[in-house]
Amino acid sequence: MRKIQVISRKYGGKLRGEYTAWLYSETPETLAVYTPPGTMEFDARKQVWLAGPDGLIELYFKAKWYTVWHICEQKSCRNTIYVHISMPAVLTGDLLEWVDLDLDYRMHLDGSIELLDEEDFEHHSRSLSYPAQVIASARAACTEIERLYQQRTFPLNHREQVALYQHIKQGCGA
């Protein structure tokens, strides 16, 4: 594993957040990132550094329009999976960057799924002039996420991701 900087932005380039995590694996399509509990993250909206309560496996995609975070070490007890509808991620050296498009999915502890921030997406798509292709790609990503969650297949295979997290954690001596 190698240490990387993860930076998220809003469409148009405004900083959303940043933190340091560990790149566990990379394939031609996917980046798997290990983020232990207590990781300090800069929240640009609040202009403050905060410690993340949960341990995560974060899955970034080089061609897909979403980012999937598996909450593998629960402290917050809010959800099992959180999905950001986003532009494809880019890894350059030790810098992973992705663009958040506001739409999110929360997979609750009871197994239900909830689409979040639809109003923010609509507002920003107008105020930031999202191109039609960005809007269409975001909506197609929503359809794909809902289908994959029903099937519980990669990247929404939570049990397998928790097992991977535990394997990584044991290997790090954490």
C-alpha atoms as a PDB file:
ATOM      1  CA  MET A   1       0.000   0.000   0.000  1.00  0.00           C
ATOM      2  CA  ARG A   2       1.082   3.524  -0.595  1.00  0.00           C
ATOM      3  CA  LYS A   3      -0.023   6.766   0.976  1.00  0.00           C
ATOM      4  CA  ILE A   4      -2.037   9.031  -1.312  1.00  0.00           C
ATOM      5  CA  GLN A   5      -3.765  12.389  -1.081  1.00  0.00           C
ATOM      6  CA  VAL A   6      -7.496  12.270  -1.913  1.00  0.00           C
ATOM      7  CA  ILE A   7      -9.030  15.536  -3.121  1.00  0.00           C
ATOM      8  CA  SER A   8     -12.679  16.009  -3.970  1.00  0.00           C
ATOM      9  CA  ARG A   9     -14.068  19.017  -5.770  1.00  0.00           C
ATOM     10  CA  LYS A  10     -17.420  20.331  -6.831  1.00  0.00           C
ATOM     11  CA  TYR A  11     -18.159  20.740 -10.528  1.00  0.00           C
ATOM     12  CA  GLY A  12     -16.306  23.871 -11.607  1.00  0.00           C
ATOM     13  CA  GLY A  13     -13.280  23.114  -9.425  1.00  0.00           C
ATOM     14  CA  LYS A  14     -14.225  24.391  -5.951  1.00  0.00           C
ATOM     15  CA  LEU A  15     -12.561  22.327  -3.212  1.00  0.00           C
ATOM     16  CA  ARG A  16     -14.952  19.999  -1.370  1.00  0.00           C
ATOM     17  CA  GLY A  17     -12.538  18.088   0.868  1.00  0.00           C
ATOM     18  CA  GLU A  18      -9.142  16.444   1.198  1.00  0.00           C
ATOM     19  CA  TYR A  19      -7.378  13.827   3.290  1.00  0.00           C
ATOM     20  CA  THR A  20      -4.577  11.284   3.240  1.00  0.00           C
ATOM     21  CA  ALA A  21      -5.426   7.592   2.807  1.00  0.00           C
ATOM     22  CA  TRP A  22      -3.852   4.369   1.531  1.00  0.00           C
ATOM     23  CA  LEU A  23      -4.094   3.057  -2.030  1.00  0.00           C
ATOM     24  CA  TYR A  24      -4.623  -0.681  -1.574  1.00  0.00           C
ATOM     25  CA  SER A  25      -5.012  -1.728  -5.197  1.00  0.00           C
ATOM     26  CA  GLU A  26      -5.371  -0.426  -8.713  1.00  0.00           C
ATOM     27  CA  THR A  27      -6.757  -2.133 -11.801  1.00  0.00           C
ATOM     28  CA  PRO A  28      -7.369  -0.608 -15.227  1.00  0.00           C
ATOM     29  CA  GLU A  29     -10.914   0.232 -14.033  1.00  0.00           C
ATOM     30  CA  THR A  30     -10.844   0.610 -10.242  1.00  0.00           C
ATOM     31  CA  LEU A  31      -8.928   2.090  -7.325  1.00  0.00           C
ATOM     32  CA  ALA A  32      -9.448   0.618  -3.844  1.00  0.00           C
ATOM     33  CA  VAL A  33      -8.534   2.935  -0.974  1.00  0.00           C
ATOM     34  CA  TYR A  34      -8.221   2.048   2.725  1.00  0.00           C
ATOM     35  CA  THR A  35      -9.185   4.820   5.149  1.00  0.00           C
ATOM     36  CA  PRO A  36      -8.917   3.918   8.850  1.00  0.00           C
ATOM     37  CA  PRO A  37     -11.074   5.524  11.539  1.00  0.00           C
ATOM     38  CA  GLY A  38      -9.696   8.799  12.846  1.00  0.00           C
ATOM     39  CA  THR A  39      -8.422   9.908   9.432  1.00  0.00           C
ATOM     40  CA  MET A  40      -8.285  13.694   9.445  1.00  0.00           C
ATOM     41  CA  GLU A  41     -10.287  15.258   6.610  1.00  0.00           C
ATOM     42  CA  PHE A  42     -10.510  18.897   5.616  1.00  0.00           C
ATOM     43  CA  ASP A  43     -14.143  19.929   5.106  1.00  0.00           C
ATOM     44  CA  ALA A  44     -13.947  22.942   2.768  1.00  0.00           C
ATOM     45  CA  ARG A  45     -17.555  23.954   3.447  1.00  0.00           C
ATOM     46  CA  LYS A  46     -16.912  24.245   7.198  1.00  0.00           C
ATOM     47  CA  GLN A  47     -13.228  25.241   6.783  1.00  0.00           C
ATOM     48  CA  VAL A  48     -12.186  22.755   9.465  1.00  0.00           C
ATOM     49  CA  TRP A  49     -10.251  19.511   9.846  1.00  0.00           C
ATOM     50  CA  LEU A  50     -12.367  16.693  11.314  1.00  0.00           C
ATOM     51  CA  ALA A  51     -11.543  13.112  12.298  1.00  0.00           C
ATOM     52  CA  GLY A  52     -13.606  10.593  10.353  1.00  0.00           C
ATOM     53  CA  PRO A  53     -15.325   8.245  12.810  1.00  0.00           C
ATOM     54  CA  ASP A  54     -15.542   5.172  10.561  1.00  0.00           C
ATOM     55  CA  GLY A  55     -13.119   2.860   8.798  1.00  0.00           C
ATOM     56  CA  LEU A  56     -13.754   2.705   5.061  1.00  0.00           C
ATOM     57  CA  ILE A  57     -12.995   0.882   1.871  1.00  0.00           C
ATOM     58  CA  GLU A  58     -13.448   3.502  -0.833  1.00  0.00           C
ATOM     59  CA  LEU A  59     -13.884   2.352  -4.423  1.00  0.00           C
ATOM     60  CA  TYR A  60     -13.100   4.868  -7.172  1.00  0.00           C
ATOM     61  CA  PHE A  61     -13.707   4.234 -10.847  1.00  0.00           C
ATOM     62  CA  LYS A  62     -11.742   5.530 -13.805  1.00  0.00           C
ATOM     63  CA  ALA A  63     -14.666   5.366 -16.236  1.00  0.00           C
ATOM     64  CA  LYS A  64     -17.820   5.053 -14.111  1.00  0.00           C
ATOM     65  CA  TRP A  65     -19.734   8.015 -12.739  1.00  0.00           C
ATOM     66  CA  TYR A  66     -19.806   7.085  -9.063  1.00  0.00           C
ATOM     67  CA  THR A  67     -17.658   6.513  -6.004  1.00  0.00           C
ATOM     68  CA  VAL A  68     -18.618   3.849  -3.444  1.00  0.00           C
ATOM     69  CA  TRP A  69     -17.652   4.048   0.215  1.00  0.00           C
ATOM     70  CA  HIS A  70     -18.161   0.943   2.355  1.00  0.00           C
ATOM     71  CA  ILE A  71     -18.401   1.713   6.058  1.00  0.00           C
ATOM     72  CA  CYS A  72     -16.521  -1.315   7.372  1.00  0.00           C
ATOM     73  CA  GLU A  73     -15.631  -0.273  10.901  1.00  0.00           C
ATOM     74  CA  GLN A  74     -18.796   1.332  12.295  1.00  0.00           C
ATOM     75  CA  LYS A  75     -18.637   4.115  14.851  1.00  0.00           C
ATOM     76  CA  SER A  76     -21.248   6.519  13.428  1.00  0.00           C
ATOM     77  CA  CYS A  77     -23.905   3.787  12.958  1.00  0.00           C
ATOM     78  CA  ARG A  78     -25.646   5.675  10.142  1.00  0.00           C
ATOM     79  CA  ASN A  79     -25.262   3.522   7.048  1.00  0.00           C
ATOM     80  CA  THR A  80     -23.385   0.598   5.525  1.00  0.00           C
ATOM     81  CA  ILE A  81     -22.591   2.080   2.116  1.00  0.00           C
ATOM     82  CA  TYR A  82     -22.488   5.650   0.852  1.00  0.00           C
ATOM     83  CA  VAL A  83     -22.365   6.347  -2.883  1.00  0.00           C
ATOM     84  CA  HIS A  84     -21.386   9.663  -4.421  1.00  0.00           C
ATOM     85  CA  ILE A  85     -22.520  10.231  -7.985  1.00  0.00           C
ATOM     86  CA  SER A  86     -19.346  11.717  -9.385  1.00  0.00           C
ATOM     87  CA  MET A  87     -17.262  12.149 -12.475  1.00  0.00           C
ATOM     88  CA  PRO A  88     -14.676   9.407 -13.070  1.00  0.00           C
ATOM     89  CA  ALA A  89     -11.698   9.563 -10.688  1.00  0.00           C
ATOM     90  CA  VAL A  90      -8.173  10.427 -11.803  1.00  0.00           C
ATOM     91  CA  LEU A  91      -5.009   9.134 -10.133  1.00  0.00           C
ATOM     92  CA  THR A  92      -1.842  11.078 -10.947  1.00  0.00           C
ATOM     93  CA  GLY A  93       1.147   9.889  -8.970  1.00  0.00           C
ATOM     94  CA  ASP A  94       0.086  10.012  -5.331  1.00  0.00           C
ATOM     95  CA  LEU A  95      -2.902  12.302  -5.927  1.00  0.00           C
ATOM     96  CA  LEU A  96      -6.426  10.913  -6.389  1.00  0.00           C
ATOM     97  CA  GLU A  97      -8.967  13.501  -7.540  1.00  0.00           C
ATOM     98  CA  TRP A  98     -12.693  13.215  -8.113  1.00  0.00           C
ATOM     99  CA  VAL A  99     -15.591  15.599  -8.815  1.00  0.00           C
ATOM    100  CA  ASP A 100     -18.760  15.313  -6.723  1.00  0.00           C
ATOM    101  CA  LEU A 101     -22.055  15.912  -8.562  1.00  0.00           C
ATOM    102  CA  ASP A 102     -24.205  16.219  -5.406  1.00  0.00           C
ATOM    103  CA  LEU A 103     -26.435  13.174  -5.897  1.00  0.00           C
ATOM    104  CA  ASP A 104     -25.758  10.533  -3.257  1.00  0.00           C
ATOM    105  CA  TYR A 105     -27.143   7.216  -2.101  1.00  0.00           C
ATOM    106  CA  ARG A 106     -27.232   6.042   1.477  1.00  0.00           C
ATOM    107  CA  MET A 107     -27.641   2.331   2.123  1.00  0.00           C
ATOM    108  CA  HIS A 108     -29.093   2.252   5.622  1.00  0.00           C
ATOM    109  CA  LEU A 109     -28.294  -0.289   8.337  1.00  0.00           C
ATOM    110  CA  ASP A 110     -31.729  -1.882   7.753  1.00  0.00           C
ATOM    111  CA  GLY A 111     -30.861  -2.545   4.073  1.00  0.00           C
ATOM    112  CA  SER A 112     -33.017   0.227   2.598  1.00  0.00           C
ATOM    113  CA  ILE A 113     -31.616   2.602  -0.016  1.00  0.00           C
ATOM    114  CA  GLU A 114     -32.201   6.353  -0.164  1.00  0.00           C
ATOM    115  CA  LEU A 115     -31.381   8.883  -2.892  1.00  0.00           C
ATOM    116  CA  LEU A 116     -30.116  12.141  -1.372  1.00  0.00           C
ATOM    117  CA  ASP A 117     -29.541  15.723  -2.530  1.00  0.00           C
ATOM    118  CA  GLU A 118     -31.687  15.723  -5.661  1.00  0.00           C
ATOM    119  CA  GLU A 119     -32.477  19.433  -5.122  1.00  0.00           C
ATOM    120  CA  ASP A 120     -28.761  20.276  -4.885  1.00  0.00           C
ATOM    121  CA  PHE A 121     -28.098  18.410  -8.126  1.00  0.00           C
ATOM    122  CA  GLU A 122     -30.923  20.237  -9.915  1.00  0.00           C
ATOM    123  CA  HIS A 123     -29.791  23.616  -8.559  1.00  0.00           C
ATOM    124  CA  HIS A 124     -26.116  23.092  -9.420  1.00  0.00           C
ATOM    125  CA  SER A 125     -26.877  21.618 -12.837  1.00  0.00           C
ATOM    126  CA  ARG A 126     -28.512  24.960 -13.672  1.00  0.00           C
ATOM    127  CA  SER A 127     -26.267  27.389 -11.745  1.00  0.00           C
ATOM    128  CA  LEU A 128     -23.008  25.697 -12.814  1.00  0.00           C
ATOM    129  CA  SER A 129     -24.281  24.885 -16.322  1.00  0.00           C
ATOM    130  CA  TYR A 130     -23.689  21.145 -16.271  1.00  0.00           C
ATOM    131  CA  PRO A 131     -23.432  19.958 -19.878  1.00  0.00           C
ATOM    132  CA  ALA A 132     -26.236  17.641 -21.032  1.00  0.00           C
ATOM    133  CA  GLN A 133     -23.738  14.741 -21.164  1.00  0.00           C
ATOM    134  CA  VAL A 134     -22.833  15.243 -17.467  1.00  0.00           C
ATOM    135  CA  ILE A 135     -26.505  15.232 -16.459  1.00  0.00           C
ATOM    136  CA  ALA A 136     -27.211  12.142 -18.574  1.00  0.00           C
ATOM    137  CA  SER A 137     -24.161  10.321 -17.176  1.00  0.00           C
ATOM    138  CA  ALA A 138     -25.178  11.147 -13.594  1.00  0.00           C
ATOM    139  CA  ARG A 139     -28.726   9.883 -14.153  1.00  0.00           C
ATOM    140  CA  ALA A 140     -27.441   6.712 -15.842  1.00  0.00           C
ATOM    141  CA  ALA A 141     -25.144   6.156 -12.837  1.00  0.00           C
ATOM    142  CA  CYS A 142     -28.179   6.371 -10.526  1.00  0.00           C
ATOM    143  CA  THR A 143     -29.955   3.677 -12.520  1.00  0.00           C
ATOM    144  CA  GLU A 144     -26.846   1.482 -12.427  1.00  0.00           C
ATOM    145  CA  ILE A 145     -26.365   1.934  -8.664  1.00  0.00           C
ATOM    146  CA  GLU A 146     -29.973   0.991  -7.929  1.00  0.00           C
ATOM    147  CA  ARG A 147     -29.681  -2.141 -10.097  1.00  0.00           C
ATOM    148  CA  LEU A 148     -26.350  -3.200  -8.591  1.00  0.00           C
ATOM    149  CA  TYR A 149     -27.634  -2.657  -5.066  1.00  0.00           C
ATOM    150  CA  GLN A 150     -30.633  -4.907  -5.694  1.00  0.00           C
ATOM    151  CA  GLN A 151     -28.231  -7.607  -6.888  1.00  0.00           C
ATOM    152  CA  ARG A 152     -25.658  -6.903  -4.127  1.00  0.00           C
ATOM    153  CA  THR A 153     -22.898  -7.304  -6.708  1.00  0.00           C
ATOM    154  CA  PHE A 154     -19.615  -5.423  -7.039  1.00  0.00           C
ATOM    155  CA  PRO A 155     -19.135  -2.660  -6.127  1.00  0.00           C
ATOM    156  CA  LEU A 156     -22.108  -2.912  -3.746  1.00  0.00           C
ATOM    157  CA  ASN A 157     -21.073  -6.260  -2.231  1.00  0.00           C
ATOM    158  CA  HIS A 158     -20.736  -5.016   1.331  1.00  0.00           C
ATOM    159  CA  ARG A 159     -19.827  -8.309   3.047  1.00  0.00           C
ATOM    160  CA  GLU A 160     -16.899  -8.887   0.715  1.00  0.00           C
ATOM    161  CA  GLN A 161     -15.680  -5.312   1.172  1.00  0.00           C
ATOM    162  CA  VAL A 162     -15.847  -5.610   4.974  1.00  0.00           C
ATOM    163  CA  ALA A 163     -13.795  -8.822   4.728  1.00  0.00           C
ATOM    164  CA  LEU A 164     -11.236  -6.999   2.550  1.00  0.00           C
ATOM    165  CA  TYR A 165     -11.101  -4.147   5.076  1.00  0.00           C
ATOM    166  CA  GLN A 166     -10.441  -6.597   7.929  1.00  0.00           C
ATOM    167  CA  HIS A 167      -7.709  -8.291   5.877  1.00  0.00           C
ATOM    168  CA  ILE A 168      -6.029  -4.938   5.173  1.00  0.00           C
ATOM    169  CA  LYS A 169      -6.360  -3.818   8.787  1.00  0.00           C
ATOM    170  CA  GLN A 170      -4.756  -7.033  10.072  1.00  0.00           C
ATOM    171  CA  GLY A 171      -1.947  -6.701   7.535  1.00  0.00           C
ATOM    172  CA  CYS A 172      -1.230  -3.147   8.683  1.00  0.00           C
ATOM    173  CA  GLY A 173      -1.038  -4.163  12.310  1.00  0.00           C
ATOM    174  CA  ALA A 174      -3.795  -1.672  13.122  1.00  0.00           C
END
